[in-house]
Structure formats: C-alpha cells, structure tokens
Amino acid sequence: MPGTVVVISKTPAGGRCTLYMGYAGEIAGSFGLAYRVEYPADEAADPPPPALVVNGTVLEPADGLILAADEVIAGLRRLGLPVDAAAGLEERLDAAIERLLGEG
C-alpha cells in the first residue's frame, strides 16, 4: 500500500510534535507507509507545526489543539485505511498520549 505519513514539527520538537512522531511511527508500521519528519524554516508554513499528515491529508484535532487517538483512527478510516486490520493500533496511540501526559 503506497503512501506517506509526515509530521510537520517545530525545532526543537516539543510535546505535541513528539506525540505526533509517535503516532506517525505506529501508523506507518501498521500500514507499511513511508514516514518522515519535516522541519519548516518558517512557522507560517502550511500546514503549521505541529501537524500529522497522512497520504497528503492533514488530520485535524477537534479541539484545535491536540489529536486524540480516536480522532486519528477516525481520520485513517476516512482515508480508507483498513484500521480494523491493524490490531491494537488505537491502544498503541492511546498509550503514546498517556506517556506524554505522564511526563508533563
């Protein structure tokens, strides 16, 4: 399945950027997608950091601040990725956000 997962990150990467990198690794591994991190020189980049982009589509957080695991799953479903075949993906995404919140 061709495709990419891209994290648009600030330099240095902070909490949400690091979270999205964790999400991206899980997504890429689950679906065999390429994964990369981009560090735009200008924070006025489109999309602005932090952002998680799957197959060219920005996954947007409902609260405008941070993507929750269920929002990522819903976004992947909208993109037609076989989420139900990715055993444990939502749990791994939840664990990533729990790790972030536990560090704060």
N, C-alpha and C. Protein backbone atom coordinates (compact mmCIF):
# COMPACT_ATOMS: atom_id res chain seq x y z
N MET A 1 0.85 -1.17 0.00
CA MET A 1 0.00 0.00 0.00
C MET A 1 0.90 1.24 0.00
N PRO A 2 0.95 1.98 -1.08
CA PRO A 2 1.80 3.16 -1.13
C PRO A 2 1.18 4.29 -0.30
N GLY A 3 2.02 5.15 0.18
CA GLY A 3 1.55 6.31 0.93
C GLY A 3 2.61 6.78 1.89
N THR A 4 2.32 7.92 2.52
CA THR A 4 3.27 8.50 3.44
C THR A 4 2.57 9.06 4.68
N VAL A 5 3.33 9.09 5.74
CA VAL A 5 2.94 9.76 6.97
C VAL A 5 4.02 10.81 7.22
N VAL A 6 3.60 12.06 7.35
CA VAL A 6 4.54 13.16 7.54
C VAL A 6 4.16 13.90 8.82
N VAL A 7 5.16 14.18 9.63
CA VAL A 7 4.97 15.04 10.79
C VAL A 7 5.63 16.37 10.46
N ILE A 8 4.88 17.44 10.58
CA ILE A 8 5.43 18.79 10.44
C ILE A 8 5.75 19.23 11.86
N SER A 9 7.03 19.43 12.15
CA SER A 9 7.48 19.64 13.52
C SER A 9 8.18 20.97 13.70
N LYS A 10 8.06 21.48 14.91
CA LYS A 10 8.85 22.64 15.31
C LYS A 10 10.27 22.15 15.62
N THR A 11 11.19 23.08 15.66
CA THR A 11 12.56 22.78 16.06
C THR A 11 12.88 23.65 17.26
N PRO A 12 13.17 23.06 18.42
CA PRO A 12 13.15 21.63 18.71
C PRO A 12 11.72 21.13 18.87
N ALA A 13 11.58 19.85 18.70
CA ALA A 13 10.25 19.24 18.82
C ALA A 13 9.81 19.29 20.28
N GLY A 14 8.57 19.73 20.49
CA GLY A 14 8.01 19.78 21.83
C GLY A 14 7.06 18.62 22.05
N GLY A 15 6.13 18.79 22.97
CA GLY A 15 5.23 17.72 23.35
C GLY A 15 4.35 17.21 22.24
N ARG A 16 3.59 18.11 21.58
CA ARG A 16 2.70 17.63 20.52
C ARG A 16 3.48 17.10 19.33
N CYS A 17 4.59 17.74 18.99
CA CYS A 17 5.41 17.24 17.87
C CYS A 17 5.92 15.84 18.18
N THR A 18 6.40 15.64 19.39
CA THR A 18 6.89 14.33 19.80
C THR A 18 5.76 13.30 19.79
N LEU A 19 4.58 13.71 20.27
CA LEU A 19 3.41 12.81 20.25
C LEU A 19 3.08 12.41 18.82
N TYR A 20 3.04 13.38 17.92
CA TYR A 20 2.69 13.09 16.53
C TYR A 20 3.75 12.21 15.87
N MET A 21 5.00 12.34 16.28
CA MET A 21 6.04 11.44 15.77
C MET A 21 5.76 10.01 16.22
N GLY A 22 5.33 9.85 17.46
CA GLY A 22 4.95 8.53 17.95
C GLY A 22 3.77 7.97 17.20
N TYR A 23 2.75 8.81 17.00
CA TYR A 23 1.59 8.39 16.21
C TYR A 23 2.04 7.95 14.81
N ALA A 24 2.87 8.77 14.19
CA ALA A 24 3.30 8.51 12.81
C ALA A 24 4.03 7.18 12.71
N GLY A 25 4.88 6.89 13.67
CA GLY A 25 5.60 5.61 13.66
C GLY A 25 4.65 4.43 13.74
N GLU A 26 3.64 4.55 14.59
CA GLU A 26 2.65 3.48 14.73
C GLU A 26 1.83 3.32 13.45
N ILE A 27 1.41 4.44 12.87
CA ILE A 27 0.61 4.39 11.64
C ILE A 27 1.43 3.80 10.50
N ALA A 28 2.64 4.31 10.33
CA ALA A 28 3.50 3.83 9.24
C ALA A 28 3.76 2.33 9.37
N GLY A 29 4.06 1.89 10.59
CA GLY A 29 4.33 0.48 10.82
C GLY A 29 3.10 -0.40 10.59
N SER A 30 1.93 0.12 10.93
CA SER A 30 0.70 -0.66 10.79
C SER A 30 0.27 -0.84 9.35
N PHE A 31 0.58 0.16 8.50
CA PHE A 31 0.07 0.13 7.13
C PHE A 31 1.17 0.08 6.07
N GLY A 32 2.42 -0.06 6.49
CA GLY A 32 3.52 -0.13 5.52
C GLY A 32 3.73 1.17 4.76
N LEU A 33 3.49 2.29 5.43
CA LEU A 33 3.66 3.59 4.79
C LEU A 33 5.05 4.15 5.08
N ALA A 34 5.53 4.99 4.18
CA ALA A 34 6.78 5.71 4.43
C ALA A 34 6.50 6.76 5.52
N TYR A 35 7.54 7.12 6.27
CA TYR A 35 7.38 8.07 7.38
C TYR A 35 8.54 9.03 7.35
N ARG A 36 8.23 10.33 7.50
CA ARG A 36 9.29 11.32 7.59
C ARG A 36 8.82 12.49 8.46
N VAL A 37 9.80 13.23 8.95
CA VAL A 37 9.55 14.44 9.73
C VAL A 37 10.10 15.60 8.93
N GLU A 38 9.30 16.65 8.82
CA GLU A 38 9.74 17.87 8.15
C GLU A 38 9.80 18.99 9.17
N TYR A 39 10.84 19.80 9.07
CA TYR A 39 11.04 20.93 9.95
C TYR A 39 11.02 22.21 9.11
N PRO A 40 9.85 22.83 8.96
CA PRO A 40 9.80 24.03 8.13
C PRO A 40 10.62 25.16 8.74
N ALA A 41 11.24 25.95 7.87
CA ALA A 41 12.05 27.07 8.32
C ALA A 41 11.19 28.20 8.88
N ASP A 42 9.93 28.21 8.50
CA ASP A 42 9.03 29.29 8.89
C ASP A 42 7.78 28.69 9.53
N GLU A 43 7.41 29.18 10.73
CA GLU A 43 6.23 28.65 11.40
C GLU A 43 4.94 29.06 10.70
N ALA A 44 5.04 29.89 9.66
CA ALA A 44 3.87 30.24 8.86
C ALA A 44 3.65 29.21 7.76
N ALA A 45 4.35 28.08 7.88
CA ALA A 45 4.23 27.00 6.89
C ALA A 45 2.78 26.51 6.83
N ASP A 46 2.43 25.91 5.71
CA ASP A 46 1.10 25.35 5.55
C ASP A 46 1.21 23.86 5.29
N PRO A 47 0.81 23.01 6.21
CA PRO A 47 0.18 23.32 7.49
C PRO A 47 1.23 23.74 8.51
N PRO A 48 0.82 24.53 9.50
CA PRO A 48 1.77 24.95 10.53
C PRO A 48 2.07 23.80 11.48
N PRO A 49 3.27 23.81 12.04
CA PRO A 49 3.59 22.77 13.03
C PRO A 49 2.84 23.04 14.34
N PRO A 50 2.53 22.00 15.07
CA PRO A 50 2.68 20.59 14.73
C PRO A 50 1.51 20.12 13.88
N ALA A 51 1.80 19.20 12.98
CA ALA A 51 0.75 18.64 12.13
C ALA A 51 1.09 17.19 11.81
N LEU A 52 0.06 16.39 11.66
CA LEU A 52 0.18 15.00 11.24
C LEU A 52 -0.55 14.88 9.91
N VAL A 53 0.20 14.48 8.88
CA VAL A 53 -0.33 14.43 7.52
C VAL A 53 -0.22 12.99 7.03
N VAL A 54 -1.35 12.42 6.65
CA VAL A 54 -1.38 11.03 6.15
C VAL A 54 -1.87 11.06 4.72
N ASN A 55 -1.04 10.54 3.83
CA ASN A 55 -1.38 10.49 2.40
C ASN A 55 -1.87 11.85 1.89
N GLY A 56 -1.19 12.90 2.33
CA GLY A 56 -1.49 14.25 1.86
C GLY A 56 -2.62 14.96 2.57
N THR A 57 -3.27 14.30 3.54
CA THR A 57 -4.39 14.89 4.27
C THR A 57 -3.97 15.19 5.70
N VAL A 58 -4.18 16.43 6.11
CA VAL A 58 -3.88 16.83 7.49
C VAL A 58 -4.98 16.29 8.39
N LEU A 59 -4.59 15.58 9.44
CA LEU A 59 -5.55 15.13 10.44
C LEU A 59 -5.70 16.25 11.46
N GLU A 60 -6.92 16.78 11.58
CA GLU A 60 -7.19 17.95 12.41
C GLU A 60 -7.76 17.56 13.76
N PRO A 61 -7.24 18.13 14.85
CA PRO A 61 -7.84 17.87 16.16
C PRO A 61 -9.16 18.62 16.32
N ALA A 62 -10.15 17.97 16.89
CA ALA A 62 -11.46 18.59 17.08
C ALA A 62 -11.38 19.82 17.98
N ASP A 63 -10.50 19.78 18.98
CA ASP A 63 -10.39 20.90 19.90
C ASP A 63 -9.42 21.98 19.40
N GLY A 64 -8.83 21.74 18.22
CA GLY A 64 -7.89 22.70 17.66
C GLY A 64 -6.52 22.67 18.30
N LEU A 65 -6.31 21.77 19.26
CA LEU A 65 -5.04 21.75 19.98
C LEU A 65 -4.25 20.46 19.81
N ILE A 66 -4.86 19.33 20.14
CA ILE A 66 -4.12 18.07 20.16
C ILE A 66 -4.98 16.94 19.63
N LEU A 67 -4.38 16.13 18.76
CA LEU A 67 -5.08 14.97 18.20
C LEU A 67 -5.19 13.87 19.22
N ALA A 68 -6.39 13.42 19.46
CA ALA A 68 -6.61 12.26 20.33
C ALA A 68 -6.55 11.00 19.46
N ALA A 69 -6.31 9.87 20.10
CA ALA A 69 -6.19 8.61 19.37
C ALA A 69 -7.44 8.30 18.56
N ASP A 70 -8.62 8.54 19.13
CA ASP A 70 -9.84 8.24 18.39
C ASP A 70 -10.01 9.14 17.17
N GLU A 71 -9.50 10.36 17.24
CA GLU A 71 -9.55 11.26 16.08
C GLU A 71 -8.62 10.77 14.97
N VAL A 72 -7.45 10.25 15.37
CA VAL A 72 -6.53 9.69 14.39
C VAL A 72 -7.17 8.50 13.71
N ILE A 73 -7.76 7.61 14.49
CA ILE A 73 -8.42 6.42 13.94
C ILE A 73 -9.53 6.85 12.98
N ALA A 74 -10.36 7.81 13.37
CA ALA A 74 -11.44 8.28 12.51
C ALA A 74 -10.88 8.87 11.21
N GLY A 75 -9.79 9.62 11.31
CA GLY A 75 -9.16 10.19 10.12
C GLY A 75 -8.62 9.12 9.19
N LEU A 76 -8.02 8.09 9.76
CA LEU A 76 -7.49 6.99 8.94
C LEU A 76 -8.63 6.25 8.24
N ARG A 77 -9.73 6.09 8.94
CA ARG A 77 -10.91 5.44 8.32
C ARG A 77 -11.42 6.28 7.15
N ARG A 78 -11.50 7.61 7.34
CA ARG A 78 -11.97 8.49 6.26
C ARG A 78 -11.05 8.38 5.04
N LEU A 79 -9.78 8.11 5.28
CA LEU A 79 -8.83 7.96 4.18
C LEU A 79 -8.88 6.56 3.55
N GLY A 80 -9.69 5.69 4.11
CA GLY A 80 -9.86 4.36 3.55
C GLY A 80 -8.82 3.35 3.98
N LEU A 81 -8.06 3.66 5.04
CA LEU A 81 -7.08 2.69 5.52
C LEU A 81 -7.79 1.61 6.34
N PRO A 82 -7.34 0.37 6.24
CA PRO A 82 -8.02 -0.75 6.90
C PRO A 82 -7.70 -0.81 8.40
N VAL A 83 -8.25 0.13 9.13
CA VAL A 83 -7.96 0.27 10.56
C VAL A 83 -8.30 -0.99 11.34
N ASP A 84 -9.38 -1.65 10.98
CA ASP A 84 -9.79 -2.85 11.71
C ASP A 84 -8.78 -3.98 11.57
N ALA A 85 -7.98 -3.95 10.52
CA ALA A 85 -6.96 -4.97 10.32
C ALA A 85 -5.66 -4.65 11.07
N ALA A 86 -5.55 -3.44 11.60
CA ALA A 86 -4.35 -3.01 12.33
C ALA A 86 -4.56 -3.28 13.81
N ALA A 87 -4.38 -4.53 14.20
CA ALA A 87 -4.66 -4.96 15.57
C ALA A 87 -3.94 -4.11 16.60
N GLY A 88 -4.72 -3.55 17.53
CA GLY A 88 -4.15 -2.81 18.64
C GLY A 88 -3.69 -1.40 18.33
N LEU A 89 -3.96 -0.90 17.13
CA LEU A 89 -3.46 0.44 16.77
C LEU A 89 -4.01 1.51 17.70
N GLU A 90 -5.30 1.53 17.93
CA GLU A 90 -5.87 2.59 18.78
C GLU A 90 -5.29 2.52 20.19
N GLU A 91 -5.07 1.33 20.70
CA GLU A 91 -4.49 1.18 22.04
C GLU A 91 -3.06 1.72 22.06
N ARG A 92 -2.29 1.47 21.00
CA ARG A 92 -0.92 1.99 20.94
C ARG A 92 -0.90 3.51 20.84
N LEU A 93 -1.86 4.07 20.10
CA LEU A 93 -1.96 5.52 20.02
C LEU A 93 -2.35 6.11 21.37
N ASP A 94 -3.31 5.47 22.05
CA ASP A 94 -3.69 5.90 23.40
C ASP A 94 -2.50 5.86 24.35
N ALA A 95 -1.69 4.82 24.24
CA ALA A 95 -0.52 4.69 25.11
C ALA A 95 0.48 5.82 24.85
N ALA A 96 0.60 6.23 23.60
CA ALA A 96 1.51 7.34 23.28
C ALA A 96 1.08 8.63 23.96
N ILE A 97 -0.21 8.92 23.94
CA ILE A 97 -0.68 10.14 24.58
C ILE A 97 -0.60 10.02 26.11
N GLU A 98 -0.84 8.85 26.64
CA GLU A 98 -0.72 8.65 28.08
C GLU A 98 0.73 8.87 28.54
N ARG A 99 1.69 8.40 27.74
CA ARG A 99 3.11 8.64 28.06
C ARG A 99 3.40 10.13 28.09
N LEU A 100 2.89 10.85 27.09
CA LEU A 100 3.11 12.29 27.03
C LEU A 100 2.51 12.98 28.26
N LEU A 101 1.28 12.64 28.61
CA LEU A 101 0.63 13.28 29.74
C LEU A 101 1.30 12.90 31.06
N GLY A 102 1.84 11.69 31.12
CA GLY A 102 2.54 11.25 32.33
C GLY A 102 3.85 11.97 32.55
N GLU A 103 4.45 12.47 31.47
CA GLU A 103 5.72 13.20 31.57
C GLU A 103 5.51 14.64 31.98
N GLY A 104 4.28 15.17 31.75
CA GLY A 104 4.01 16.58 31.99
C GLY A 104 3.78 16.95 33.40
